[in-house]
PDB file of N, CA and C in Angstrom:
ATOM      1  N   UNK A   1       3.287   9.122  19.173  1.00  0.00           N
ATOM      2  CA  UNK A   1       2.867   7.838  19.577  1.00  0.00           C
ATOM      3  C   UNK A   1       2.965   7.015  18.376  1.00  0.00           C
ATOM      4  N   UNK A   2       2.027   7.585  17.252  1.00  0.00           N
ATOM      5  CA  UNK A   2       1.786   6.888  16.347  1.00  0.00           C
ATOM      6  C   UNK A   2       2.965   6.233  15.436  1.00  0.00           C
ATOM      7  N   UNK A   3       4.122   6.864  15.357  1.00  0.00           N
ATOM      8  CA  UNK A   3       5.199   6.528  15.147  1.00  0.00           C
ATOM      9  C   UNK A   3       5.995   5.423  15.614  1.00  0.00           C
ATOM     10  N   UNK A   4       5.462   5.451  16.943  1.00  0.00           N
ATOM     11  CA  UNK A   4       6.382   4.312  17.743  1.00  0.00           C
ATOM     12  C   UNK A   4       5.412   3.102  17.952  1.00  0.00           C
ATOM     13  N   UNK A   5       4.289   3.476  17.790  1.00  0.00           N
ATOM     14  CA  UNK A   5       3.372   2.192  18.438  1.00  0.00           C
ATOM     15  C   UNK A   5       3.488   1.117  17.385  1.00  0.00           C
ATOM     16  N   UNK A   6       2.793   0.029  18.356  1.00  0.00           N
ATOM     17  CA  UNK A   6       2.955  -1.223  17.404  1.00  0.00           C
ATOM     18  C   UNK A   6       3.995  -1.868  18.317  1.00  0.00           C
ATOM     19  N   UNK A   7       4.179  -3.148  17.879  1.00  0.00           N
ATOM     20  CA  UNK A   7       4.747  -4.355  18.868  1.00  0.00           C
ATOM     21  C   UNK A   7       6.212  -3.818  18.725  1.00  0.00           C
ATOM     22  N   UNK A   8       6.779  -3.354  17.723  1.00  0.00           N
ATOM     23  CA  UNK A   8       8.172  -3.816  17.144  1.00  0.00           C
ATOM     24  C   UNK A   8       9.122  -2.348  17.028  1.00  0.00           C
ATOM     25  N   UNK A   9       8.246  -1.140  16.881  1.00  0.00           N
ATOM     26  CA  UNK A   9       9.187  -0.018  16.505  1.00  0.00           C
ATOM     27  C   UNK A   9       9.790   0.365  17.716  1.00  0.00           C
ATOM     28  N   UNK A  10       9.797   0.624  18.731  1.00  0.00           N
ATOM     29  CA  UNK A  10      10.166   1.156  19.848  1.00  0.00           C
ATOM     30  C   UNK A  10      11.873   0.386  19.867  1.00  0.00           C
ATOM     31  N   UNK A  11      11.363  -1.274  20.163  1.00  0.00           N
ATOM     32  CA  UNK A  11      12.409  -2.333  20.155  1.00  0.00           C
ATOM     33  C   UNK A  11      13.207  -2.124  19.184  1.00  0.00           C
ATOM     34  N   UNK A  12      12.749  -1.660  17.709  1.00  0.00           N
ATOM     35  CA  UNK A  12      14.023  -1.388  16.387  1.00  0.00           C
ATOM     36  C   UNK A  12      15.041  -0.206  16.978  1.00  0.00           C
ATOM     37  N   UNK A  13      14.133   0.715  17.435  1.00  0.00           N
ATOM     38  CA  UNK A  13      14.932   1.892  17.532  1.00  0.00           C
ATOM     39  C   UNK A  13      16.166   2.024  18.488  1.00  0.00           C
ATOM     40  N   UNK A  14      15.535   1.088  19.607  1.00  0.00           N
ATOM     41  CA  UNK A  14      16.448   0.900  20.970  1.00  0.00           C
ATOM     42  C   UNK A  14      17.668  -0.164  20.444  1.00  0.00           C
ATOM     43  N   UNK A  15      17.463  -0.835  19.484  1.00  0.00           N
ATOM     44  CA  UNK A  15      18.781  -1.629  18.995  1.00  0.00           C
ATOM     45  C   UNK A  15      19.428  -0.765  18.058  1.00  0.00           C
ATOM     46  N   UNK A  16      19.205   0.212  17.224  1.00  0.00           N
ATOM     47  CA  UNK A  16      19.790   1.054  16.516  1.00  0.00           C
ATOM     48  C   UNK A  16      20.337   2.321  17.077  1.00  0.00           C
ATOM     49  N   UNK A  17      20.038   2.196  18.494  1.00  0.00           N
ATOM     50  CA  UNK A  17      20.723   3.493  19.039  1.00  0.00           C
ATOM     51  C   UNK A  17      22.046   3.426  19.412  1.00  0.00           C
ATOM     52  N   UNK A  18      22.561   2.173  19.443  1.00  0.00           N
ATOM     53  CA  UNK A  18      23.957   1.729  19.317  1.00  0.00           C
ATOM     54  C   UNK A  18      24.628   1.940  18.199  1.00  0.00           C
ATOM     55  N   UNK A  19      24.200   2.041  16.951  1.00  0.00           N
ATOM     56  CA  UNK A  19      24.729   2.197  15.904  1.00  0.00           C
ATOM     57  C   UNK A  19      24.249   1.720  14.650  1.00  0.00           C
ATOM     58  N   UNK A  20      24.662   1.875  13.619  1.00  0.00           N
ATOM     59  CA  UNK A  20      24.190   1.071  12.147  1.00  0.00           C
ATOM     60  C   UNK A  20      24.011  -0.431  12.458  1.00  0.00           C
ATOM     61  N   UNK A  21      22.966  -1.027  11.857  1.00  0.00           N
ATOM     62  CA  UNK A  21      22.698  -2.449  11.881  1.00  0.00           C
ATOM     63  C   UNK A  21      22.068  -2.769  10.526  1.00  0.00           C
ATOM     64  N   UNK A  22      22.763  -4.171  10.002  1.00  0.00           N
ATOM     65  CA  UNK A  22      21.955  -4.735   8.772  1.00  0.00           C
ATOM     66  C   UNK A  22      20.750  -5.632   9.036  1.00  0.00           C
ATOM     67  N   UNK A  23      20.022  -5.371   7.982  1.00  0.00           N
ATOM     68  CA  UNK A  23      18.663  -5.977   8.168  1.00  0.00           C
ATOM     69  C   UNK A  23      18.710  -7.566   8.888  1.00  0.00           C
ATOM     70  N   UNK A  24      19.780  -8.373   8.419  1.00  0.00           N
ATOM     71  CA  UNK A  24      19.937  -9.813   9.425  1.00  0.00           C
ATOM     72  C   UNK A  24      20.049  -9.676  10.943  1.00  0.00           C
ATOM     73  N   UNK A  25      20.978  -8.212  11.091  1.00  0.00           N
ATOM     74  CA  UNK A  25      21.525  -8.373  12.260  1.00  0.00           C
ATOM     75  C   UNK A  25      20.310  -7.757  13.182  1.00  0.00           C
ATOM     76  N   UNK A  26      19.631  -7.433  12.657  1.00  0.00           N
ATOM     77  CA  UNK A  26      18.422  -6.490  13.363  1.00  0.00           C
ATOM     78  C   UNK A  26      16.970  -7.872  13.559  1.00  0.00           C
ATOM     79  N   UNK A  27      17.133  -8.899  12.515  1.00  0.00           N
ATOM     80  CA  UNK A  27      16.396  -9.843  12.359  1.00  0.00           C
ATOM     81  C   UNK A  27      16.613 -11.007  13.675  1.00  0.00           C
ATOM     82  N   UNK A  28      18.264 -10.953  13.746  1.00  0.00           N
ATOM     83  CA  UNK A  28      18.635 -11.826  14.573  1.00  0.00           C
ATOM     84  C   UNK A  28      18.280 -11.284  16.328  1.00  0.00           C
ATOM     85  N   UNK A  29      18.435  -9.716  16.496  1.00  0.00           N
ATOM     86  CA  UNK A  29      18.074  -9.181  17.727  1.00  0.00           C
ATOM     87  C   UNK A  29      16.731  -9.284  18.091  1.00  0.00           C
ATOM     88  N   UNK A  30      15.831  -9.360  17.046  1.00  0.00           N
ATOM     89  CA  UNK A  30      14.414  -9.403  17.333  1.00  0.00           C
ATOM     90  C   UNK A  30      13.762 -10.579  16.795  1.00  0.00           C
ATOM     91  N   UNK A  31      14.091 -12.026  17.114  1.00  0.00           N
ATOM     92  CA  UNK A  31      13.747 -13.171  16.851  1.00  0.00           C
ATOM     93  C   UNK A  31      12.145 -13.323  16.633  1.00  0.00           C
ATOM     94  N   UNK A  32      11.389 -12.683  17.470  1.00  0.00           N
ATOM     95  CA  UNK A  32       9.977 -12.925  17.151  1.00  0.00           C
ATOM     96  C   UNK A  32       9.293 -11.962  16.141  1.00  0.00           C
ATOM     97  N   UNK A  33      10.135 -11.213  15.403  1.00  0.00           N
ATOM     98  CA  UNK A  33       9.501 -10.677  14.166  1.00  0.00           C
ATOM     99  C   UNK A  33       9.527 -11.330  13.145  1.00  0.00           C
ATOM    100  N   UNK A  34       8.716 -11.153  12.067  1.00  0.00           N
ATOM    101  CA  UNK A  34       8.549 -11.815  10.705  1.00  0.00           C
ATOM    102  C   UNK A  34       9.646 -10.923  10.072  1.00  0.00           C
ATOM    103  N   UNK A  35      10.030 -11.321   8.946  1.00  0.00           N
ATOM    104  CA  UNK A  35      10.925 -10.872   7.830  1.00  0.00           C
ATOM    105  C   UNK A  35       9.824  -9.502   7.225  1.00  0.00           C
ATOM    106  N   UNK A  36       8.554  -9.923   6.952  1.00  0.00           N
ATOM    107  CA  UNK A  36       7.477  -8.816   6.384  1.00  0.00           C
ATOM    108  C   UNK A  36       7.418  -7.672   7.587  1.00  0.00           C
ATOM    109  N   UNK A  37       7.018  -8.008   8.443  1.00  0.00           N
ATOM    110  CA  UNK A  37       6.869  -7.017   9.523  1.00  0.00           C
ATOM    111  C   UNK A  37       8.037  -5.949   9.893  1.00  0.00           C
ATOM    112  N   UNK A  38       9.236  -6.694   9.798  1.00  0.00           N
ATOM    113  CA  UNK A  38      10.621  -6.010  10.028  1.00  0.00           C
ATOM    114  C   UNK A  38      10.687  -5.116   8.903  1.00  0.00           C
ATOM    115  N   UNK A  39      10.343  -5.431   7.554  1.00  0.00           N
ATOM    116  CA  UNK A  39      10.529  -4.511   6.384  1.00  0.00           C
ATOM    117  C   UNK A  39       9.561  -3.488   6.747  1.00  0.00           C
ATOM    118  N   UNK A  40       8.361  -3.517   7.039  1.00  0.00           N
ATOM    119  CA  UNK A  40       7.115  -2.822   6.988  1.00  0.00           C
ATOM    120  C   UNK A  40       7.513  -1.934   8.175  1.00  0.00           C
ATOM    121  N   UNK A  41       8.045  -2.038   9.427  1.00  0.00           N
ATOM    122  CA  UNK A  41       8.410  -1.260  10.337  1.00  0.00           C
ATOM    123  C   UNK A  41       9.572  -0.385   9.962  1.00  0.00           C
ATOM    124  N   UNK A  42      10.575  -1.216   9.333  1.00  0.00           N
ATOM    125  CA  UNK A  42      11.544   0.102   9.023  1.00  0.00           C
ATOM    126  C   UNK A  42      11.272   0.960   7.779  1.00  0.00           C
ATOM    127  N   UNK A  43      10.438   0.503   7.250  1.00  0.00           N
ATOM    128  CA  UNK A  43       9.922   1.378   6.030  1.00  0.00           C
ATOM    129  C   UNK A  43       9.417   2.598   6.804  1.00  0.00           C
ATOM    130  N   UNK A  44       8.530   2.224   7.564  1.00  0.00           N
ATOM    131  CA  UNK A  44       7.658   3.473   8.426  1.00  0.00           C
ATOM    132  C   UNK A  44       8.326   4.456   9.359  1.00  0.00           C
ATOM    133  N   UNK A  45       9.689   3.761   9.702  1.00  0.00           N
ATOM    134  CA  UNK A  45      10.359   4.716  10.388  1.00  0.00           C
ATOM    135  C   UNK A  45      11.158   5.578   9.596  1.00  0.00           C
ATOM    136  N   UNK A  46      11.599   5.002   8.524  1.00  0.00           N
ATOM    137  CA  UNK A  46      12.316   5.609   7.484  1.00  0.00           C
ATOM    138  C   UNK A  46      11.324   6.636   6.973  1.00  0.00           C
ATOM    139  N   UNK A  47      10.025   6.474   6.545  1.00  0.00           N
ATOM    140  CA  UNK A  47       8.994   7.511   5.954  1.00  0.00           C
ATOM    141  C   UNK A  47       9.261   8.613   7.040  1.00  0.00           C
ATOM    142  N   UNK A  48       9.111   8.255   8.399  1.00  0.00           N
ATOM    143  CA  UNK A  48       9.115   9.044   9.490  1.00  0.00           C
ATOM    144  C   UNK A  48      10.267   9.879   9.272  1.00  0.00           C
ATOM    145  N   UNK A  49      11.129   9.733   9.012  1.00  0.00           N
ATOM    146  CA  UNK A  49      12.501  10.347   9.113  1.00  0.00           C
ATOM    147  C   UNK A  49      13.398  10.212  10.012  1.00  0.00           C
ATOM    148  N   UNK A  50      13.128   8.827  10.885  1.00  0.00           N
ATOM    149  CA  UNK A  50      13.822   8.667  11.840  1.00  0.00           C
ATOM    150  C   UNK A  50      14.904   7.724  11.898  1.00  0.00           C
ATOM    151  N   UNK A  51      14.959   6.669  10.873  1.00  0.00           N
ATOM    152  CA  UNK A  51      15.513   6.152  10.197  1.00  0.00           C
ATOM    153  C   UNK A  51      16.455   6.103   9.030  1.00  0.00           C
ATOM    154  N   UNK A  52      17.422   5.802   8.724  1.00  0.00           N
ATOM    155  CA  UNK A  52      17.919   6.223   7.248  1.00  0.00           C
ATOM    156  C   UNK A  52      18.551   4.992   6.675  1.00  0.00           C
ATOM    157  N   UNK A  53      17.949   4.548   5.838  1.00  0.00           N
ATOM    158  CA  UNK A  53      18.523   3.265   5.156  1.00  0.00           C
ATOM    159  C   UNK A  53      19.818   3.791   4.130  1.00  0.00           C
ATOM    160  N   UNK A  54      20.829   2.762   4.527  1.00  0.00           N
ATOM    161  CA  UNK A  54      21.977   3.043   3.167  1.00  0.00           C
ATOM    162  C   UNK A  54      22.185   1.661   2.248  1.00  0.00           C
ATOM    163  N   UNK A  55      22.410   1.852   1.287  1.00  0.00           N
ATOM    164  CA  UNK A  55      22.554   0.687   0.399  1.00  0.00           C
ATOM    165  C   UNK A  55      23.988   1.027  -0.178  1.00  0.00           C
ATOM    166  N   UNK A  56      24.955  -0.161  -0.276  1.00  0.00           N
ATOM    167  CA  UNK A  56      26.238  -0.137  -0.512  1.00  0.00           C
ATOM    168  C   UNK A  56      26.248  -0.894  -1.785  1.00  0.00           C
ATOM    169  N   UNK A  57      26.936  -0.584  -2.821  1.00  0.00           N
ATOM    170  CA  UNK A  57      26.980  -1.138  -4.208  1.00  0.00           C
ATOM    171  C   UNK A  57      28.175  -2.563  -4.127  1.00  0.00           C
ATOM    172  N   UNK A  58      27.974  -3.408  -3.086  1.00  0.00           N
ATOM    173  CA  UNK A  58      28.776  -4.489  -3.135  1.00  0.00           C
ATOM    174  C   UNK A  58      27.990  -5.597  -3.648  1.00  0.00           C
ATOM    175  N   UNK A  59      28.604  -6.737  -3.943  1.00  0.00           N
ATOM    176  CA  UNK A  59      28.273  -7.942  -4.289  1.00  0.00           C
ATOM    177  C   UNK A  59      28.309  -9.039  -2.856  1.00  0.00           C
ATOM    178  N   UNK A  60      27.285  -9.366  -2.243  1.00  0.00           N
ATOM    179  CA  UNK A  60      26.039  -9.154  -2.227  1.00  0.00           C
ATOM    180  C   UNK A  60      25.643  -7.833  -2.161  1.00  0.00           C
ATOM    181  N   UNK A  61      24.609  -6.855  -2.414  1.00  0.00           N
ATOM    182  CA  UNK A  61      24.409  -5.643  -1.964  1.00  0.00           C
ATOM    183  C   UNK A  61      24.213  -5.756  -0.354  1.00  0.00           C
ATOM    184  N   UNK A  62      25.008  -4.489   0.309  1.00  0.00           N
ATOM    185  CA  UNK A  62      24.778  -4.765   1.776  1.00  0.00           C
ATOM    186  C   UNK A  62      23.924  -3.320   2.054  1.00  0.00           C
ATOM    187  N   UNK A  63      23.060  -3.497   2.814  1.00  0.00           N
ATOM    188  CA  UNK A  63      22.271  -2.617   3.333  1.00  0.00           C
ATOM    189  C   UNK A  63      22.189  -2.405   5.004  1.00  0.00           C
ATOM    190  N   UNK A  64      22.279  -0.961   5.258  1.00  0.00           N
ATOM    191  CA  UNK A  64      22.448  -0.662   6.587  1.00  0.00           C
ATOM    192  C   UNK A  64      21.432   0.119   7.025  1.00  0.00           C
ATOM    193  N   UNK A  65      20.892   0.135   8.463  1.00  0.00           N
ATOM    194  CA  UNK A  65      19.789   1.074   9.057  1.00  0.00           C
ATOM    195  C   UNK A  65      20.559   1.709  10.089  1.00  0.00           C
ATOM    196  N   UNK A  66      20.461   2.850  10.281  1.00  0.00           N
ATOM    197  CA  UNK A  66      21.063   3.813  11.229  1.00  0.00           C
ATOM    198  C   UNK A  66      20.080   4.880  11.716  1.00  0.00           C
ATOM    199  N   UNK A  67      19.884   5.392  13.019  1.00  0.00           N
ATOM    200  CA  UNK A  67      19.207   6.471  13.224  1.00  0.00           C
ATOM    201  C   UNK A  67      19.554   7.718  12.749  1.00  0.00           C
ATOM    202  N   UNK A  68      18.315   8.516  12.144  1.00  0.00           N
ATOM    203  CA  UNK A  68      18.700   9.924  11.870  1.00  0.00           C
ATOM    204  C   UNK A  68      19.128  10.608  12.916  1.00  0.00           C
ATOM    205  N   UNK A  69      19.433  11.974  12.922  1.00  0.00           N
ATOM    206  CA  UNK A  69      19.644  12.934  14.016  1.00  0.00           C
ATOM    207  C   UNK A  69      18.186  13.149  14.703  1.00  0.00           C
ATOM    208  N   UNK A  70      17.180  13.105  13.826  1.00  0.00           N
ATOM    209  CA  UNK A  70      15.691  12.923  14.712  1.00  0.00           C
ATOM    210  C   UNK A  70      15.689  12.013  15.295  1.00  0.00           C
ATOM    211  N   UNK A  71      16.236  10.519  14.803  1.00  0.00           N
ATOM    212  CA  UNK A  71      15.767   9.486  15.372  1.00  0.00           C
ATOM    213  C   UNK A  71      16.401   9.254  16.833  1.00  0.00           C
ATOM    214  N   UNK A  72      17.779   9.888  17.004  1.00  0.00           N
ATOM    215  CA  UNK A  72      18.830   9.812  17.830  1.00  0.00           C
ATOM    216  C   UNK A  72      17.954  10.409  19.091  1.00  0.00           C
ATOM    217  N   UNK A  73      17.510  11.377  18.719  1.00  0.00           N
ATOM    218  CA  UNK A  73      16.573  11.947  20.026  1.00  0.00           C
ATOM    219  C   UNK A  73      15.578  11.335  20.515  1.00  0.00           C
ATOM    220  N   UNK A  74      15.396   9.979  20.348  1.00  0.00           N
ATOM    221  CA  UNK A  74      14.623   9.386  20.907  1.00  0.00           C
ATOM    222  C   UNK A  74      15.152   8.461  21.997  1.00  0.00           C
ATOM    223  N   UNK A  75      16.456   8.638  22.100  1.00  0.00           N
ATOM    224  CA  UNK A  75      17.718   7.845  23.285  1.00  0.00           C
ATOM    225  C   UNK A  75      16.988   8.097  24.697  1.00  0.00           C
ATOM    226  N   UNK A  76      16.506   9.311  25.014  1.00  0.00           N
ATOM    227  CA  UNK A  76      16.035   9.226  26.367  1.00  0.00           C
ATOM    228  C   UNK A  76      14.622   8.580  26.563  1.00  0.00           C
ATOM    229  N   UNK A  77      13.731   8.190  25.628  1.00  0.00           N
ATOM    230  CA  UNK A  77      12.577   7.676  25.548  1.00  0.00           C
ATOM    231  C   UNK A  77      12.913   6.249  25.736  1.00  0.00           C
ATOM    232  N   UNK A  78      13.986   5.557  24.855  1.00  0.00           N
ATOM    233  CA  UNK A  78      14.327   4.104  24.758  1.00  0.00           C
ATOM    234  C   UNK A  78      15.056   4.003  26.176  1.00  0.00           C
ATOM    235  N   UNK A  79      15.834   4.761  26.720  1.00  0.00           N
ATOM    236  CA  UNK A  79      16.524   4.737  28.008  1.00  0.00           C
ATOM    237  C   UNK A  79      15.163   4.475  29.251  1.00  0.00           C
ATOM    238  N   UNK A  80      14.610   5.273  29.259  1.00  0.00           N
ATOM    239  CA  UNK A  80      13.260   5.365  30.181  1.00  0.00           C
ATOM    240  C   UNK A  80      12.530   3.979  29.952  1.00  0.00           C
ATOM    241  N   UNK A  81      12.182   3.686  28.918  1.00  0.00           N
ATOM    242  CA  UNK A  81      11.363   2.259  28.532  1.00  0.00           C
ATOM    243  C   UNK A  81      12.446   1.153  29.315  1.00  0.00           C
ATOM    244  N   UNK A  82      13.481   1.066  28.926  1.00  0.00           N
ATOM    245  CA  UNK A  82      14.117  -0.027  29.475  1.00  0.00           C
ATOM    246  C   UNK A  82      14.498   0.167  30.906  1.00  0.00           C
ATOM    247  N   UNK A  83      14.606   1.305  31.542  1.00  0.00           N
ATOM    248  CA  UNK A  83      14.667   1.065  33.123  1.00  0.00           C
ATOM    249  C   UNK A  83      13.471   0.558  33.702  1.00  0.00           C
ATOM    250  N   UNK A  84      12.050   1.143  32.968  1.00  0.00           N
ATOM    251  CA  UNK A  84      10.719   0.636  33.120  1.00  0.00           C
ATOM    252  C   UNK A  84      10.548  -0.820  33.242  1.00  0.00           C
ATOM    253  N   UNK A  85      11.206  -1.590  32.098  1.00  0.00           N
ATOM    254  CA  UNK A  85      10.939  -3.202  31.953  1.00  0.00           C
ATOM    255  C   UNK A  85      12.220  -3.722  32.964  1.00  0.00           C
ATOM    256  N   UNK A  86      13.524  -3.046  32.943  1.00  0.00           N
ATOM    257  CA  UNK A  86      14.243  -3.448  34.027  1.00  0.00           C
ATOM    258  C   UNK A  86      13.174  -3.610  35.400  1.00  0.00           C
ATOM    259  N   UNK A  87      12.634  -2.730  35.986  1.00  0.00           N
ATOM    260  CA  UNK A  87      11.835  -2.532  37.463  1.00  0.00           C
ATOM    261  C   UNK A  87      10.678  -3.533  37.103  1.00  0.00           C
ATOM    262  N   UNK A  88      10.131  -3.667  35.996  1.00  0.00           N
ATOM    263  CA  UNK A  88       8.868  -4.585  35.888  1.00  0.00           C
ATOM    264  C   UNK A  88       9.147  -5.864  36.221  1.00  0.00           C
ATOM    265  N   UNK A  89      10.588  -6.594  35.865  1.00  0.00           N
ATOM    266  CA  UNK A  89      10.951  -7.530  36.092  1.00  0.00           C
ATOM    267  C   UNK A  89      11.616  -7.719  36.967  1.00  0.00           C
ATOM    268  N   UNK A  90      12.278  -6.880  37.853  1.00  0.00           N
ATOM    269  CA  UNK A  90      12.840  -7.208  38.956  1.00  0.00           C
ATOM    270  C   UNK A  90      11.475  -7.280  40.127  1.00  0.00           C
ATOM    271  N   UNK A  91      10.514  -6.385  39.980  1.00  0.00           N
ATOM    272  CA  UNK A  91       9.677  -6.591  41.034  1.00  0.00           C
ATOM    273  C   UNK A  91       8.719  -7.954  40.653  1.00  0.00           C
ATOM    274  N   UNK A  92       8.736  -8.482  40.060  1.00  0.00           N
ATOM    275  CA  UNK A  92       7.888  -9.725  39.531  1.00  0.00           C
ATOM    276  C   UNK A  92       6.309  -9.359  38.812  1.00  0.00           C
ATOM    277  N   UNK A  93       6.275  -8.077  38.319  1.00  0.00           N
ATOM    278  CA  UNK A  93       5.027  -7.697  37.712  1.00  0.00           C
ATOM    279  C   UNK A  93       5.168  -8.062  36.295  1.00  0.00           C
ATOM    280  N   UNK A  94       6.237  -8.389  35.537  1.00  0.00           N
ATOM    281  CA  UNK A  94       6.202  -8.466  34.292  1.00  0.00           C
ATOM    282  C   UNK A  94       5.640  -9.892  33.845  1.00  0.00           C
ATOM    283  N   UNK A  95       4.750  -9.923  33.019  1.00  0.00           N
ATOM    284  CA  UNK A  95       3.993 -11.205  32.363  1.00  0.00           C
ATOM    285  C   UNK A  95       4.471 -11.679  31.138  1.00  0.00           C
TER     286      UNK A  95
END
C-alpha cells in the first residue's frame, strides 16, 4: 500500500496499463496533478521497480514511461478499482 498510496500513483499505473506514455501525455490524462507531483510519483514508482523510464536520444529528448513486468501485475488491482469507481458513480455514493 505504501507503493501505491497517495492520490495519484494508482491512477498513473492505470494509465500505463494500456502501454507506454510520454510525460506530457500523462500530464494531460491527469489534469489535476502538478508537474512536480507527477515527477515525484513517477520516480517513486520507478524506484519501486513498477515503472521503467526510457530516454530516447532525439532532439528534443523523448522520454517514455511504461510498466515493468512487476508493474503489469497490478492490472487486476486497477481493474477492481475501476469497477468499484463505476459502482460508486452509478449508485450515487461518489462525492
